[in-house]
């Protein structure tokens, strides 16, 4: 089974797996909290949304 986007590509964008995991987890918690606050159902899981944001460049380490 192939994962999309490839983890290696995500690590290249962020720098290390540790930073990637922390960044995605933090963003996923924020997405979940905002969706719950606005009582909006999510089409995808919060982690998937956060990973997509990293892959497209919307989310990065400052």
N, C-alpha and C. Protein backbone atom coordinates (compact mmCIF):
# COMPACT_ATOMS: atom_id res chain seq x y z
N UNK A 1 0.84 -1.18 0.00
CA UNK A 1 0.00 0.00 0.00
C UNK A 1 0.89 1.24 0.00
N UNK A 2 0.66 2.12 -0.95
CA UNK A 2 1.41 3.37 -1.03
C UNK A 2 0.68 4.47 -0.27
N UNK A 3 1.42 5.22 0.47
CA UNK A 3 0.85 6.36 1.17
C UNK A 3 1.00 7.60 0.30
N UNK A 4 -0.02 8.41 0.29
CA UNK A 4 0.06 9.66 -0.45
C UNK A 4 -0.30 10.78 0.48
N UNK A 5 0.46 11.78 0.58
CA UNK A 5 1.76 12.01 -0.04
C UNK A 5 2.84 11.19 0.66
N UNK A 6 3.92 10.89 -0.05
CA UNK A 6 5.00 10.10 0.54
C UNK A 6 5.61 10.81 1.76
N UNK A 7 5.87 10.04 2.79
CA UNK A 7 6.44 10.60 4.02
C UNK A 7 7.77 11.27 3.74
N UNK A 8 8.56 10.70 2.86
CA UNK A 8 9.87 11.28 2.54
C UNK A 8 9.72 12.70 1.99
N UNK A 9 8.71 12.93 1.16
CA UNK A 9 8.47 14.27 0.63
C UNK A 9 8.09 15.25 1.74
N UNK A 10 7.27 14.78 2.67
CA UNK A 10 6.86 15.64 3.79
C UNK A 10 8.04 15.97 4.68
N UNK A 11 8.88 14.99 4.96
CA UNK A 11 10.06 15.20 5.79
C UNK A 11 11.01 16.19 5.11
N UNK A 12 11.15 16.08 3.80
CA UNK A 12 12.00 17.02 3.07
C UNK A 12 11.51 18.45 3.21
N UNK A 13 10.21 18.64 3.25
CA UNK A 13 9.64 19.99 3.37
C UNK A 13 9.82 20.57 4.78
N UNK A 14 9.78 19.70 5.80
CA UNK A 14 9.81 20.16 7.19
C UNK A 14 11.20 20.07 7.80
N UNK A 15 11.93 19.01 7.52
CA UNK A 15 13.28 18.91 8.05
C UNK A 15 13.55 17.64 8.81
N UNK A 16 12.60 17.19 9.64
CA UNK A 16 12.78 15.94 10.37
C UNK A 16 11.41 15.33 10.66
N UNK A 17 11.42 14.03 10.90
CA UNK A 17 10.16 13.34 11.21
C UNK A 17 9.56 13.87 12.51
N UNK A 18 10.42 14.15 13.48
CA UNK A 18 9.94 14.65 14.77
C UNK A 18 9.19 15.97 14.59
N UNK A 19 9.76 16.89 13.85
CA UNK A 19 9.10 18.17 13.61
C UNK A 19 7.83 17.99 12.80
N UNK A 20 7.85 17.07 11.85
CA UNK A 20 6.66 16.81 11.04
C UNK A 20 5.51 16.31 11.90
N UNK A 21 5.79 15.35 12.76
CA UNK A 21 4.75 14.79 13.63
C UNK A 21 4.20 15.86 14.55
N UNK A 22 5.08 16.65 15.14
CA UNK A 22 4.61 17.71 16.05
C UNK A 22 3.77 18.75 15.33
N UNK A 23 4.21 19.16 14.16
CA UNK A 23 3.50 20.16 13.38
C UNK A 23 2.12 19.67 12.96
N UNK A 24 2.06 18.45 12.44
CA UNK A 24 0.78 17.89 11.99
C UNK A 24 -0.16 17.67 13.17
N UNK A 25 0.35 17.17 14.28
CA UNK A 25 -0.50 16.93 15.46
C UNK A 25 -1.07 18.24 16.00
N UNK A 26 -0.23 19.25 16.08
CA UNK A 26 -0.69 20.55 16.59
C UNK A 26 -1.77 21.14 15.68
N UNK A 27 -1.54 21.09 14.38
CA UNK A 27 -2.51 21.63 13.42
C UNK A 27 -3.81 20.82 13.43
N UNK A 28 -3.70 19.49 13.55
CA UNK A 28 -4.89 18.65 13.58
C UNK A 28 -5.75 18.96 14.80
N UNK A 29 -5.12 19.20 15.94
CA UNK A 29 -5.88 19.58 17.14
C UNK A 29 -6.60 20.90 16.93
N UNK A 30 -5.93 21.85 16.28
CA UNK A 30 -6.55 23.15 15.99
C UNK A 30 -7.73 22.99 15.04
N UNK A 31 -7.56 22.19 14.01
CA UNK A 31 -8.65 21.96 13.05
C UNK A 31 -9.85 21.33 13.74
N UNK A 32 -9.60 20.33 14.58
CA UNK A 32 -10.68 19.66 15.30
C UNK A 32 -11.41 20.61 16.24
N UNK A 33 -10.64 21.43 16.95
CA UNK A 33 -11.24 22.37 17.89
C UNK A 33 -12.10 23.41 17.16
N UNK A 34 -11.60 23.92 16.04
CA UNK A 34 -12.35 24.91 15.27
C UNK A 34 -13.64 24.30 14.70
N UNK A 35 -13.55 23.07 14.21
CA UNK A 35 -14.74 22.40 13.65
C UNK A 35 -15.77 22.13 14.74
N UNK A 36 -15.29 21.75 15.92
CA UNK A 36 -16.21 21.48 17.02
C UNK A 36 -16.86 22.78 17.51
N UNK A 37 -16.07 23.83 17.57
CA UNK A 37 -16.58 25.12 18.03
C UNK A 37 -17.67 25.65 17.09
N UNK A 38 -17.45 25.48 15.78
CA UNK A 38 -18.41 25.95 14.78
C UNK A 38 -19.48 24.91 14.47
N UNK A 39 -19.36 23.74 15.11
CA UNK A 39 -20.28 22.62 14.90
C UNK A 39 -20.40 22.25 13.43
N UNK A 40 -19.23 22.16 12.77
CA UNK A 40 -19.17 21.78 11.36
C UNK A 40 -18.56 20.39 11.26
N UNK A 41 -19.21 19.49 10.53
CA UNK A 41 -18.59 18.17 10.33
C UNK A 41 -17.42 18.28 9.33
N UNK A 42 -16.42 17.49 9.55
CA UNK A 42 -15.26 17.48 8.65
C UNK A 42 -15.44 16.39 7.60
N UNK A 43 -15.12 16.71 6.34
CA UNK A 43 -15.20 15.73 5.26
C UNK A 43 -14.09 14.69 5.38
N UNK A 44 -12.93 15.13 5.86
CA UNK A 44 -11.77 14.26 6.04
C UNK A 44 -11.32 14.36 7.48
N UNK A 45 -10.49 13.44 7.90
CA UNK A 45 -9.95 13.49 9.25
C UNK A 45 -9.03 14.69 9.37
N UNK A 46 -8.95 15.24 10.57
CA UNK A 46 -8.15 16.43 10.82
C UNK A 46 -6.67 16.20 10.49
N UNK A 47 -6.17 15.01 10.77
CA UNK A 47 -4.77 14.70 10.48
C UNK A 47 -4.53 14.72 8.97
N UNK A 48 -5.47 14.19 8.21
CA UNK A 48 -5.34 14.19 6.74
C UNK A 48 -5.33 15.61 6.19
N UNK A 49 -6.17 16.46 6.75
CA UNK A 49 -6.21 17.86 6.32
C UNK A 49 -4.87 18.53 6.62
N UNK A 50 -4.33 18.29 7.83
CA UNK A 50 -3.06 18.89 8.21
C UNK A 50 -1.91 18.39 7.32
N UNK A 51 -1.91 17.11 6.99
CA UNK A 51 -0.87 16.56 6.11
C UNK A 51 -0.97 17.19 4.73
N UNK A 52 -2.19 17.35 4.22
CA UNK A 52 -2.38 18.00 2.92
C UNK A 52 -1.86 19.44 2.94
N UNK A 53 -2.06 20.13 4.06
CA UNK A 53 -1.57 21.51 4.19
C UNK A 53 -0.05 21.55 4.15
N UNK A 54 0.60 20.60 4.78
CA UNK A 54 2.06 20.54 4.74
C UNK A 54 2.52 20.27 3.31
N UNK A 55 1.88 19.31 2.66
CA UNK A 55 2.30 18.91 1.31
C UNK A 55 2.13 20.04 0.30
N UNK A 56 1.04 20.80 0.44
CA UNK A 56 0.80 21.90 -0.52
C UNK A 56 1.55 23.17 -0.15
N UNK A 57 2.18 23.22 1.02
CA UNK A 57 2.96 24.37 1.40
C UNK A 57 2.20 25.40 2.22
N UNK A 58 0.96 25.14 2.55
CA UNK A 58 0.18 26.08 3.36
C UNK A 58 0.64 26.09 4.81
N UNK A 59 1.25 25.00 5.24
CA UNK A 59 1.69 24.85 6.62
C UNK A 59 3.16 24.50 6.64
N UNK A 60 3.93 25.27 7.41
CA UNK A 60 5.36 25.00 7.52
C UNK A 60 5.85 25.48 8.88
N UNK A 61 7.07 25.13 9.20
CA UNK A 61 7.67 25.56 10.47
C UNK A 61 8.26 26.95 10.25
N UNK A 62 8.00 27.80 11.21
CA UNK A 62 8.47 29.20 11.10
C UNK A 62 9.90 29.33 11.55
